[in-house]
Amino acid sequence: MKALSISIEKLQEILNTVRPIGWGAADILQSYYRGEAQQDLNVNDKKDGPVTAADLATNHYILDKLKEAFKNEDFGYLTEETHQGSTEPIPGEWVWIVDPLDGTRDFIDKTGEYAVHIALTYQRRPVLAVVVVPEAAKLYYATKGQGTFVETRDGQVNAIAASQKNQIEELCLVASRTHRDDRFKQLIETLPFKAKNYVGSVGCKISTILEQQSDVYISLSGKSAPKDWDFAAPELILTEAGGKFTLFSGEELTYNKGDVKQWGGIMASNGNCHEALCQKATEILAKIDG
């Protein structure tokens, strides 16, 4: 793993190991969501959002399984539940970035819109990703350059791709029900989208773009910002499905930089109007901030 590249075949081997881990993580979350463990969530409200026993149990499971499976590999690990506020990057070129429960508030509120994110990054860019949406019984996965696929609980696998809509006025925005400050509200109300969907969890939002129920997701940092584990896996499953996921400037996101927060304006789309959307968003914000 210390080499400067990795074969497509090796990435597929790794993916074949990680997909069952994703399903196992979904099983744990669902046991808390509706099973016997439901009464033992032990919700702890922290500055960056709530943490529950489900987050911690799933995090422990994923890390144990990855480290057991890849004990001979030179991998680093960055997860939401083990990050202690360090400003130093995780050492190494190959780093797993994991969110065991994306959408904790939705999990607590029983919207069903929560997900599991597991991404492998190389030199700060995602090359393998698994996003599981337990309540939809779907697991989305991708490796760099090989497309995006969706797997169902019965083992069926199909390729999946974002929509081909190519006019901003035809597009549907997916956004959170909450977490919207005035600046962001003005931005999304000014952009001429045809419709808006309101969905929790970044993983669930991006899955709606893959399922062609939505076309655009926008992140705009305010007092805080999304973290590496919110975006690393969803980015790859979108871009490998034909979409784009960049800063408003058009620059790629990078991960494991030390500061895990993804500041600024970030556009995720089906890809066809991406540059125009970024330009319009930049112009609108300049007027808002002017």
C-alpha atoms as a PDB file:
ATOM      1  CA  MET A   1       0.000   0.000   0.000  1.00  0.00           C
ATOM      2  CA  LYS A   2       3.002   2.298   0.253  1.00  0.00           C
ATOM      3  CA  ALA A   3       3.323   2.333  -3.531  1.00  0.00           C
ATOM      4  CA  LEU A   4       2.193   5.417  -5.418  1.00  0.00           C
ATOM      5  CA  SER A   5      -0.681   3.593  -7.064  1.00  0.00           C
ATOM      6  CA  ILE A   6      -2.995   0.681  -6.476  1.00  0.00           C
ATOM      7  CA  SER A   7      -4.473  -1.641  -9.050  1.00  0.00           C
ATOM      8  CA  ILE A   8      -8.142  -1.578  -9.974  1.00  0.00           C
ATOM      9  CA  GLU A   9      -8.245  -5.259  -9.063  1.00  0.00           C
ATOM     10  CA  LYS A  10      -6.908  -4.556  -5.572  1.00  0.00           C
ATOM     11  CA  LEU A  11      -9.470  -1.795  -5.029  1.00  0.00           C
ATOM     12  CA  GLN A  12     -12.209  -4.214  -6.049  1.00  0.00           C
ATOM     13  CA  GLU A  13     -10.897  -6.767  -3.537  1.00  0.00           C
ATOM     14  CA  ILE A  14     -11.005  -4.127  -0.814  1.00  0.00           C
ATOM     15  CA  LEU A  15     -14.512  -3.097  -1.866  1.00  0.00           C
ATOM     16  CA  ASN A  16     -15.724  -6.700  -1.722  1.00  0.00           C
ATOM     17  CA  THR A  17     -14.582  -6.789   1.900  1.00  0.00           C
ATOM     18  CA  VAL A  18     -16.110  -3.421   2.805  1.00  0.00           C
ATOM     19  CA  ARG A  19     -19.589  -3.935   1.362  1.00  0.00           C
ATOM     20  CA  PRO A  20     -20.564  -6.599   3.964  1.00  0.00           C
ATOM     21  CA  ILE A  21     -19.149  -4.318   6.670  1.00  0.00           C
ATOM     22  CA  GLY A  22     -21.522  -1.618   5.415  1.00  0.00           C
ATOM     23  CA  TRP A  23     -24.485  -3.962   5.691  1.00  0.00           C
ATOM     24  CA  GLY A  24     -23.355  -5.041   9.162  1.00  0.00           C
ATOM     25  CA  ALA A  25     -23.221  -1.405  10.237  1.00  0.00           C
ATOM     26  CA  ALA A  26     -26.759  -0.923   8.901  1.00  0.00           C
ATOM     27  CA  ASP A  27     -27.937  -3.891  10.977  1.00  0.00           C
ATOM     28  CA  ILE A  28     -26.518  -2.358  14.155  1.00  0.00           C
ATOM     29  CA  LEU A  29     -28.141   1.007  13.463  1.00  0.00           C
ATOM     30  CA  GLN A  30     -31.486  -0.613  12.750  1.00  0.00           C
ATOM     31  CA  SER A  31     -31.287  -2.579  15.993  1.00  0.00           C
ATOM     32  CA  TYR A  32     -31.152   0.754  17.803  1.00  0.00           C
ATOM     33  CA  TYR A  33     -33.674   2.392  15.482  1.00  0.00           C
ATOM     34  CA  ARG A  34     -36.451  -0.126  15.943  1.00  0.00           C
ATOM     35  CA  GLY A  35     -35.154  -3.139  17.852  1.00  0.00           C
ATOM     36  CA  GLU A  36     -34.501  -4.097  21.460  1.00  0.00           C
ATOM     37  CA  ALA A  37     -31.710  -1.552  21.819  1.00  0.00           C
ATOM     38  CA  GLN A  38     -34.060   1.313  20.912  1.00  0.00           C
ATOM     39  CA  GLN A  39     -34.478   2.499  24.519  1.00  0.00           C
ATOM     40  CA  ASP A  40     -30.725   2.693  25.129  1.00  0.00           C
ATOM     41  CA  LEU A  41     -29.690   5.523  22.779  1.00  0.00           C
ATOM     42  CA  ASN A  42     -28.060   7.560  25.578  1.00  0.00           C
ATOM     43  CA  VAL A  43     -28.227  10.798  23.585  1.00  0.00           C
ATOM     44  CA  ASN A  44     -25.343  13.147  24.401  1.00  0.00           C
ATOM     45  CA  ASP A  45     -25.755  16.650  22.953  1.00  0.00           C
ATOM     46  CA  LYS A  46     -22.323  17.990  21.997  1.00  0.00           C
ATOM     47  CA  LYS A  47     -21.290  21.274  20.387  1.00  0.00           C
ATOM     48  CA  ASP A  48     -21.236  19.806  16.847  1.00  0.00           C
ATOM     49  CA  GLY A  49     -24.448  17.819  17.285  1.00  0.00           C
ATOM     50  CA  PRO A  50     -25.846  14.848  19.182  1.00  0.00           C
ATOM     51  CA  VAL A  51     -24.001  11.572  19.691  1.00  0.00           C
ATOM     52  CA  THR A  52     -25.800   8.360  20.618  1.00  0.00           C
ATOM     53  CA  ALA A  53     -24.944   4.834  21.670  1.00  0.00           C
ATOM     54  CA  ALA A  54     -25.829   3.834  18.084  1.00  0.00           C
ATOM     55  CA  ASP A  55     -23.081   6.122  16.687  1.00  0.00           C
ATOM     56  CA  LEU A  56     -20.520   4.680  19.079  1.00  0.00           C
ATOM     57  CA  ALA A  57     -21.473   1.021  18.639  1.00  0.00           C
ATOM     58  CA  THR A  58     -21.449   1.299  14.847  1.00  0.00           C
ATOM     59  CA  ASN A  59     -18.158   3.186  14.852  1.00  0.00           C
ATOM     60  CA  HIS A  60     -16.577   0.487  17.014  1.00  0.00           C
ATOM     61  CA  TYR A  61     -17.881  -2.244  14.706  1.00  0.00           C
ATOM     62  CA  ILE A  62     -16.656  -0.593  11.486  1.00  0.00           C
ATOM     63  CA  LEU A  63     -13.188   0.170  12.864  1.00  0.00           C
ATOM     64  CA  ASP A  64     -12.777  -3.329  14.310  1.00  0.00           C
ATOM     65  CA  LYS A  65     -13.817  -4.951  11.030  1.00  0.00           C
ATOM     66  CA  LEU A  66     -11.597  -2.724   8.863  1.00  0.00           C
ATOM     67  CA  LYS A  67      -8.547  -3.154  11.093  1.00  0.00           C
ATOM     68  CA  GLU A  68      -9.084  -6.913  11.255  1.00  0.00           C
ATOM     69  CA  ALA A  69      -9.494  -7.236   7.493  1.00  0.00           C
ATOM     70  CA  PHE A  70      -6.581  -4.937   6.611  1.00  0.00           C
ATOM     71  CA  LYS A  71      -4.197  -5.500   9.500  1.00  0.00           C
ATOM     72  CA  ASN A  72      -1.318  -6.020   7.075  1.00  0.00           C
ATOM     73  CA  GLU A  73      -1.967  -2.777   5.198  1.00  0.00           C
ATOM     74  CA  ASP A  74      -0.613   0.678   5.945  1.00  0.00           C
ATOM     75  CA  PHE A  75      -3.953   2.438   6.444  1.00  0.00           C
ATOM     76  CA  GLY A  76      -4.851   5.412   8.636  1.00  0.00           C
ATOM     77  CA  TYR A  77      -8.298   5.972  10.147  1.00  0.00           C
ATOM     78  CA  LEU A  78     -10.310   9.168  10.556  1.00  0.00           C
ATOM     79  CA  THR A  79     -13.798   8.809  12.000  1.00  0.00           C
ATOM     80  CA  GLU A  80     -16.340  11.186  13.434  1.00  0.00           C
ATOM     81  CA  GLU A  81     -16.430   9.415  16.784  1.00  0.00           C
ATOM     82  CA  THR A  82     -12.664   9.071  17.292  1.00  0.00           C
ATOM     83  CA  HIS A  83     -11.562  12.489  16.062  1.00  0.00           C
ATOM     84  CA  GLN A  84     -10.535  14.436  19.136  1.00  0.00           C
ATOM     85  CA  GLY A  85     -10.199  17.903  17.638  1.00  0.00           C
ATOM     86  CA  SER A  86      -6.623  17.427  16.451  1.00  0.00           C
ATOM     87  CA  THR A  87      -5.386  19.890  13.826  1.00  0.00           C
ATOM     88  CA  GLU A  88      -2.859  17.384  12.456  1.00  0.00           C
ATOM     89  CA  PRO A  89      -3.643  15.170   9.450  1.00  0.00           C
ATOM     90  CA  ILE A  90      -3.780  11.407   9.966  1.00  0.00           C
ATOM     91  CA  PRO A  91      -0.348  10.131   8.835  1.00  0.00           C
ATOM     92  CA  GLY A  92      -0.053   8.202   5.584  1.00  0.00           C
ATOM     93  CA  GLU A  93      -1.255   8.376   2.004  1.00  0.00           C
ATOM     94  CA  TRP A  94      -4.080   5.871   2.493  1.00  0.00           C
ATOM     95  CA  VAL A  95      -6.714   6.920   5.047  1.00  0.00           C
ATOM     96  CA  TRP A  96     -10.181   5.565   5.768  1.00  0.00           C
ATOM     97  CA  ILE A  97     -12.737   8.307   6.499  1.00  0.00           C
ATOM     98  CA  VAL A  98     -15.838   7.006   8.271  1.00  0.00           C
ATOM     99  CA  ASP A  99     -19.129   8.428   9.484  1.00  0.00           C
ATOM    100  CA  PRO A 100     -20.878   5.558  11.299  1.00  0.00           C
ATOM    101  CA  LEU A 101     -24.143   7.503  11.529  1.00  0.00           C
ATOM    102  CA  ASP A 102     -24.644  10.388   9.134  1.00  0.00           C
ATOM    103  CA  GLY A 103     -27.808  12.181  10.174  1.00  0.00           C
ATOM    104  CA  THR A 104     -27.885  11.511  13.912  1.00  0.00           C
ATOM    105  CA  ARG A 105     -30.640  14.072  14.478  1.00  0.00           C
ATOM    106  CA  ASP A 106     -32.790  12.391  11.810  1.00  0.00           C
ATOM    107  CA  PHE A 107     -32.045   9.042  13.460  1.00  0.00           C
ATOM    108  CA  ILE A 108     -33.257  10.368  16.807  1.00  0.00           C
ATOM    109  CA  ASP A 109     -36.290  12.065  15.227  1.00  0.00           C
ATOM    110  CA  LYS A 110     -37.217   8.876  13.343  1.00  0.00           C
ATOM    111  CA  THR A 111     -37.329  10.382   9.846  1.00  0.00           C
ATOM    112  CA  GLY A 112     -35.545   7.302   8.455  1.00  0.00           C
ATOM    113  CA  GLU A 113     -33.102   9.587   6.641  1.00  0.00           C
ATOM    114  CA  TYR A 114     -29.771   8.439   8.052  1.00  0.00           C
ATOM    115  CA  ALA A 115     -26.803   6.718   6.427  1.00  0.00           C
ATOM    116  CA  VAL A 116     -23.423   5.057   6.893  1.00  0.00           C
ATOM    117  CA  HIS A 117     -20.372   6.497   5.099  1.00  0.00           C
ATOM    118  CA  ILE A 118     -17.145   4.563   4.526  1.00  0.00           C
ATOM    119  CA  ALA A 119     -14.497   6.023   2.200  1.00  0.00           C
ATOM    120  CA  LEU A 120     -10.905   5.131   1.417  1.00  0.00           C
ATOM    121  CA  THR A 121      -8.814   8.135   0.394  1.00  0.00           C
ATOM    122  CA  TYR A 122      -5.451   8.229  -1.346  1.00  0.00           C
ATOM    123  CA  GLN A 123      -3.396  11.409  -1.115  1.00  0.00           C
ATOM    124  CA  ARG A 124      -6.461  13.212   0.315  1.00  0.00           C
ATOM    125  CA  ARG A 125      -8.895  12.220  -2.440  1.00  0.00           C
ATOM    126  CA  PRO A 126     -11.548   9.439  -2.292  1.00  0.00           C
ATOM    127  CA  VAL A 127     -10.870   6.327  -4.388  1.00  0.00           C
ATOM    128  CA  LEU A 128     -13.396   3.912  -2.844  1.00  0.00           C
ATOM    129  CA  ALA A 129     -16.739   4.630  -1.206  1.00  0.00           C
ATOM    130  CA  VAL A 130     -19.693   2.873   0.376  1.00  0.00           C
ATOM    131  CA  VAL A 131     -22.846   4.719   1.448  1.00  0.00           C
ATOM    132  CA  VAL A 132     -25.605   2.665   3.064  1.00  0.00           C
ATOM    133  CA  VAL A 133     -29.156   3.968   3.530  1.00  0.00           C
ATOM    134  CA  PRO A 134     -30.539   1.374   5.965  1.00  0.00           C
ATOM    135  CA  GLU A 135     -34.217   2.343   5.811  1.00  0.00           C
ATOM    136  CA  ALA A 136     -34.159   2.161   2.002  1.00  0.00           C
ATOM    137  CA  ALA A 137     -32.295  -1.178   2.221  1.00  0.00           C
ATOM    138  CA  LYS A 138     -29.773   0.104  -0.325  1.00  0.00           C
ATOM    139  CA  LEU A 139     -25.984   0.218  -0.413  1.00  0.00           C
ATOM    140  CA  TYR A 140     -24.311   2.514  -2.962  1.00  0.00           C
ATOM    141  CA  TYR A 141     -20.687   1.885  -3.840  1.00  0.00           C
ATOM    142  CA  ALA A 142     -18.001   3.137  -6.180  1.00  0.00           C
ATOM    143  CA  THR A 143     -14.308   2.903  -6.918  1.00  0.00           C
ATOM    144  CA  LYS A 144     -12.383   5.531  -8.834  1.00  0.00           C
ATOM    145  CA  GLY A 145     -12.983   5.255 -12.585  1.00  0.00           C
ATOM    146  CA  GLN A 146     -15.351   2.284 -12.348  1.00  0.00           C
ATOM    147  CA  GLY A 147     -18.810   3.822 -12.019  1.00  0.00           C
ATOM    148  CA  THR A 148     -21.388   3.693  -9.224  1.00  0.00           C
ATOM    149  CA  PHE A 149     -23.580   0.738  -8.315  1.00  0.00           C
ATOM    150  CA  VAL A 150     -26.490   0.121  -5.973  1.00  0.00           C
ATOM    151  CA  GLU A 151     -26.930  -3.152  -4.095  1.00  0.00           C
ATOM    152  CA  THR A 152     -30.152  -4.272  -2.406  1.00  0.00           C
ATOM    153  CA  ARG A 153     -30.535  -6.562   0.585  1.00  0.00           C
ATOM    154  CA  ASP A 154     -31.245  -9.557  -1.627  1.00  0.00           C
ATOM    155  CA  GLY A 155     -27.870  -9.122  -3.340  1.00  0.00           C
ATOM    156  CA  GLN A 156     -29.080  -7.585  -6.602  1.00  0.00           C
ATOM    157  CA  VAL A 157     -26.610  -5.086  -8.053  1.00  0.00           C
ATOM    158  CA  ASN A 158     -27.300  -2.463 -10.721  1.00  0.00           C
ATOM    159  CA  ALA A 159     -25.334   0.416 -12.207  1.00  0.00           C
ATOM    160  CA  ILE A 160     -26.809   3.803 -11.334  1.00  0.00           C
ATOM    161  CA  ALA A 161     -26.371   7.285 -12.791  1.00  0.00           C
ATOM    162  CA  ALA A 162     -27.470  10.863 -12.155  1.00  0.00           C
ATOM    163  CA  SER A 163     -30.065  12.518 -14.383  1.00  0.00           C
ATOM    164  CA  GLN A 164     -29.299  14.104 -17.751  1.00  0.00           C
ATOM    165  CA  LYS A 165     -31.250  17.321 -17.089  1.00  0.00           C
ATOM    166  CA  ASN A 166     -29.260  20.222 -18.517  1.00  0.00           C
ATOM    167  CA  GLN A 167     -31.235  23.388 -17.738  1.00  0.00           C
ATOM    168  CA  ILE A 168     -31.090  24.976 -14.281  1.00  0.00           C
ATOM    169  CA  GLU A 169     -34.832  25.681 -14.470  1.00  0.00           C
ATOM    170  CA  GLU A 170     -35.436  21.910 -14.809  1.00  0.00           C
ATOM    171  CA  LEU A 171     -33.431  20.953 -11.738  1.00  0.00           C
ATOM    172  CA  CYS A 172     -34.620  19.907  -8.285  1.00  0.00           C
ATOM    173  CA  LEU A 173     -32.625  20.989  -5.224  1.00  0.00           C
ATOM    174  CA  VAL A 174     -32.334  18.696  -2.209  1.00  0.00           C
ATOM    175  CA  ALA A 175     -31.838  20.487   1.111  1.00  0.00           C
ATOM    176  CA  SER A 176     -32.123  19.933   4.860  1.00  0.00           C
ATOM    177  CA  ARG A 177     -35.277  20.737   6.752  1.00  0.00           C
ATOM    178  CA  THR A 178     -33.130  22.528   9.314  1.00  0.00           C
ATOM    179  CA  HIS A 179     -29.568  23.982   9.534  1.00  0.00           C
ATOM    180  CA  ARG A 180     -30.394  26.833   7.161  1.00  0.00           C
ATOM    181  CA  ASP A 181     -29.184  30.319   8.051  1.00  0.00           C
ATOM    182  CA  ASP A 182     -30.532  33.454   6.343  1.00  0.00           C
ATOM    183  CA  ARG A 183     -27.638  33.667   3.882  1.00  0.00           C
ATOM    184  CA  PHE A 184     -28.216  30.130   2.656  1.00  0.00           C
ATOM    185  CA  LYS A 185     -31.987  30.650   2.477  1.00  0.00           C
ATOM    186  CA  GLN A 186     -31.478  33.700   0.276  1.00  0.00           C
ATOM    187  CA  LEU A 187     -29.145  31.740  -1.983  1.00  0.00           C
ATOM    188  CA  ILE A 188     -31.445  28.787  -2.601  1.00  0.00           C
ATOM    189  CA  GLU A 189     -34.517  31.007  -2.955  1.00  0.00           C
ATOM    190  CA  THR A 190     -32.766  33.099  -5.622  1.00  0.00           C
ATOM    191  CA  LEU A 191     -31.506  30.195  -7.731  1.00  0.00           C
ATOM    192  CA  PRO A 192     -34.269  29.329 -10.257  1.00  0.00           C
ATOM    193  CA  PHE A 193     -34.822  25.674  -9.411  1.00  0.00           C
ATOM    194  CA  LYS A 194     -37.958  23.902 -10.555  1.00  0.00           C
ATOM    195  CA  ALA A 195     -38.539  22.232  -7.184  1.00  0.00           C
ATOM    196  CA  LYS A 196     -37.026  21.432  -3.794  1.00  0.00           C
ATOM    197  CA  ASN A 197     -36.847  18.205  -1.815  1.00  0.00           C
ATOM    198  CA  TYR A 198     -36.226  18.254   1.938  1.00  0.00           C
ATOM    199  CA  VAL A 199     -34.172  15.296   3.148  1.00  0.00           C
ATOM    200  CA  GLY A 200     -31.915  14.625   6.128  1.00  0.00           C
ATOM    201  CA  SER A 201     -28.329  13.298   6.059  1.00  0.00           C
ATOM    202  CA  VAL A 202     -25.835  14.123   3.318  1.00  0.00           C
ATOM    203  CA  GLY A 203     -25.683  10.478   2.263  1.00  0.00           C
ATOM    204  CA  CYS A 204     -29.454  10.369   1.845  1.00  0.00           C
ATOM    205  CA  LYS A 205     -29.432  13.648  -0.083  1.00  0.00           C
ATOM    206  CA  ILE A 206     -26.817  12.404  -2.538  1.00  0.00           C
ATOM    207  CA  SER A 207     -28.708   9.110  -2.906  1.00  0.00           C
ATOM    208  CA  THR A 208     -31.724  11.100  -4.148  1.00  0.00           C
ATOM    209  CA  ILE A 209     -29.507  12.529  -6.911  1.00  0.00           C
ATOM    210  CA  LEU A 210     -28.403   9.007  -7.854  1.00  0.00           C
ATOM    211  CA  GLU A 211     -32.048   7.898  -7.881  1.00  0.00           C
ATOM    212  CA  GLN A 212     -32.898  10.931 -10.094  1.00  0.00           C
ATOM    213  CA  GLN A 213     -35.325  12.287  -7.496  1.00  0.00           C
ATOM    214  CA  SER A 214     -33.119  15.396  -7.104  1.00  0.00           C
ATOM    215  CA  ASP A 215     -30.346  17.012  -9.111  1.00  0.00           C
ATOM    216  CA  VAL A 216     -28.468  19.474  -6.874  1.00  0.00           C
ATOM    217  CA  TYR A 217     -27.213  19.694  -3.291  1.00  0.00           C
ATOM    218  CA  ILE A 218     -25.515  22.828  -1.935  1.00  0.00           C
ATOM    219  CA  SER A 219     -23.443  23.240   1.228  1.00  0.00           C
ATOM    220  CA  LEU A 220     -22.630  26.712   2.522  1.00  0.00           C
ATOM    221  CA  SER A 221     -20.638  27.046   5.723  1.00  0.00           C
ATOM    222  CA  GLY A 222     -21.660  29.602   8.310  1.00  0.00           C
ATOM    223  CA  LYS A 223     -20.587  29.583  11.940  1.00  0.00           C
ATOM    224  CA  SER A 224     -19.529  26.001  11.377  1.00  0.00           C
ATOM    225  CA  ALA A 225     -19.115  23.684   8.413  1.00  0.00           C
ATOM    226  CA  PRO A 226     -19.610  20.055   7.375  1.00  0.00           C
ATOM    227  CA  LYS A 227     -16.746  17.693   8.127  1.00  0.00           C
ATOM    228  CA  ASP A 228     -14.599  15.366   6.006  1.00  0.00           C
ATOM    229  CA  TRP A 229     -16.697  12.343   6.975  1.00  0.00           C
ATOM    230  CA  ASP A 230     -19.873  14.050   5.752  1.00  0.00           C
ATOM    231  CA  PHE A 231     -18.561  14.335   2.185  1.00  0.00           C
ATOM    232  CA  ALA A 232     -15.764  11.853   1.343  1.00  0.00           C
ATOM    233  CA  ALA A 233     -17.967   8.837   0.556  1.00  0.00           C
ATOM    234  CA  PRO A 234     -20.955  10.753  -0.913  1.00  0.00           C
ATOM    235  CA  GLU A 235     -18.624  12.679  -3.220  1.00  0.00           C
ATOM    236  CA  LEU A 236     -17.267   9.577  -4.921  1.00  0.00           C
ATOM    237  CA  ILE A 237     -20.609   7.817  -5.367  1.00  0.00           C
ATOM    238  CA  LEU A 238     -21.909  10.979  -7.038  1.00  0.00           C
ATOM    239  CA  THR A 239     -18.944  11.726  -9.296  1.00  0.00           C
ATOM    240  CA  GLU A 240     -18.677   8.115 -10.436  1.00  0.00           C
ATOM    241  CA  ALA A 241     -22.396   8.300 -11.325  1.00  0.00           C
ATOM    242  CA  GLY A 242     -21.716  11.192 -13.712  1.00  0.00           C
ATOM    243  CA  GLY A 243     -22.200  14.042 -11.248  1.00  0.00           C
ATOM    244  CA  LYS A 244     -19.821  16.719  -9.994  1.00  0.00           C
ATOM    245  CA  PHE A 245     -18.885  17.737  -6.451  1.00  0.00           C
ATOM    246  CA  THR A 246     -16.659  20.827  -6.075  1.00  0.00           C
ATOM    247  CA  LEU A 247     -16.177  24.122  -4.340  1.00  0.00           C
ATOM    248  CA  PHE A 248     -17.997  27.030  -6.007  1.00  0.00           C
ATOM    249  CA  SER A 249     -14.587  27.952  -7.466  1.00  0.00           C
ATOM    250  CA  GLY A 250     -14.519  24.626  -9.326  1.00  0.00           C
ATOM    251  CA  GLU A 251     -11.679  23.276  -7.177  1.00  0.00           C
ATOM    252  CA  GLU A 252     -11.785  19.702  -5.912  1.00  0.00           C
ATOM    253  CA  LEU A 253     -12.335  19.034  -2.245  1.00  0.00           C
ATOM    254  CA  THR A 254      -9.410  17.585  -0.312  1.00  0.00           C
ATOM    255  CA  TYR A 255      -9.636  15.533   2.846  1.00  0.00           C
ATOM    256  CA  ASN A 256      -7.510  14.824   5.927  1.00  0.00           C
ATOM    257  CA  LYS A 257      -5.853  18.241   5.825  1.00  0.00           C
ATOM    258  CA  GLY A 258      -5.791  18.638   9.595  1.00  0.00           C
ATOM    259  CA  ASP A 259      -8.836  20.904   9.822  1.00  0.00           C
ATOM    260  CA  VAL A 260     -11.654  18.429   9.137  1.00  0.00           C
ATOM    261  CA  LYS A 261     -14.173  21.187   8.387  1.00  0.00           C
ATOM    262  CA  GLN A 262     -15.105  21.811   4.754  1.00  0.00           C
ATOM    263  CA  TRP A 263     -15.432  25.585   4.648  1.00  0.00           C
ATOM    264  CA  GLY A 264     -16.974  27.670   1.882  1.00  0.00           C
ATOM    265  CA  GLY A 265     -19.563  26.993  -0.776  1.00  0.00           C
ATOM    266  CA  ILE A 266     -19.783  23.470  -2.168  1.00  0.00           C
ATOM    267  CA  MET A 267     -21.882  22.393  -5.135  1.00  0.00           C
ATOM    268  CA  ALA A 268     -22.930  18.791  -5.792  1.00  0.00           C
ATOM    269  CA  SER A 269     -24.938  18.217  -8.952  1.00  0.00           C
ATOM    270  CA  ASN A 270     -25.893  15.832 -11.732  1.00  0.00           C
ATOM    271  CA  GLY A 271     -23.024  17.490 -13.615  1.00  0.00           C
ATOM    272  CA  ASN A 272     -24.701  19.066 -16.613  1.00  0.00           C
ATOM    273  CA  CYS A 273     -25.169  22.617 -15.284  1.00  0.00           C
ATOM    274  CA  HIS A 274     -22.454  22.477 -12.677  1.00  0.00           C
ATOM    275  CA  GLU A 275     -20.225  25.338 -13.779  1.00  0.00           C
ATOM    276  CA  ALA A 276     -23.207  27.616 -14.442  1.00  0.00           C
ATOM    277  CA  LEU A 277     -24.628  26.809 -11.003  1.00  0.00           C
ATOM    278  CA  CYS A 278     -21.308  27.588  -9.329  1.00  0.00           C
ATOM    279  CA  GLN A 279     -21.067  30.895 -11.180  1.00  0.00           C
ATOM    280  CA  LYS A 280     -24.649  31.892 -10.338  1.00  0.00           C
ATOM    281  CA  ALA A 281     -24.185  30.961  -6.676  1.00  0.00           C
ATOM    282  CA  THR A 282     -20.997  33.027  -6.491  1.00  0.00           C
ATOM    283  CA  GLU A 283     -22.727  36.034  -8.078  1.00  0.00           C
ATOM    284  CA  ILE A 284     -25.739  35.761  -5.758  1.00  0.00           C
ATOM    285  CA  LEU A 285     -23.541  35.537  -2.656  1.00  0.00           C
ATOM    286  CA  ALA A 286     -21.543  38.578  -3.793  1.00  0.00           C
ATOM    287  CA  LYS A 287     -24.795  40.579  -3.849  1.00  0.00           C
ATOM    288  CA  ILE A 288     -25.957  39.166  -0.502  1.00  0.00           C
ATOM    289  CA  ASP A 289     -22.607  39.919   1.129  1.00  0.00           C
ATOM    290  CA  GLY A 290     -22.181  43.230  -0.679  1.00  0.00           C
END
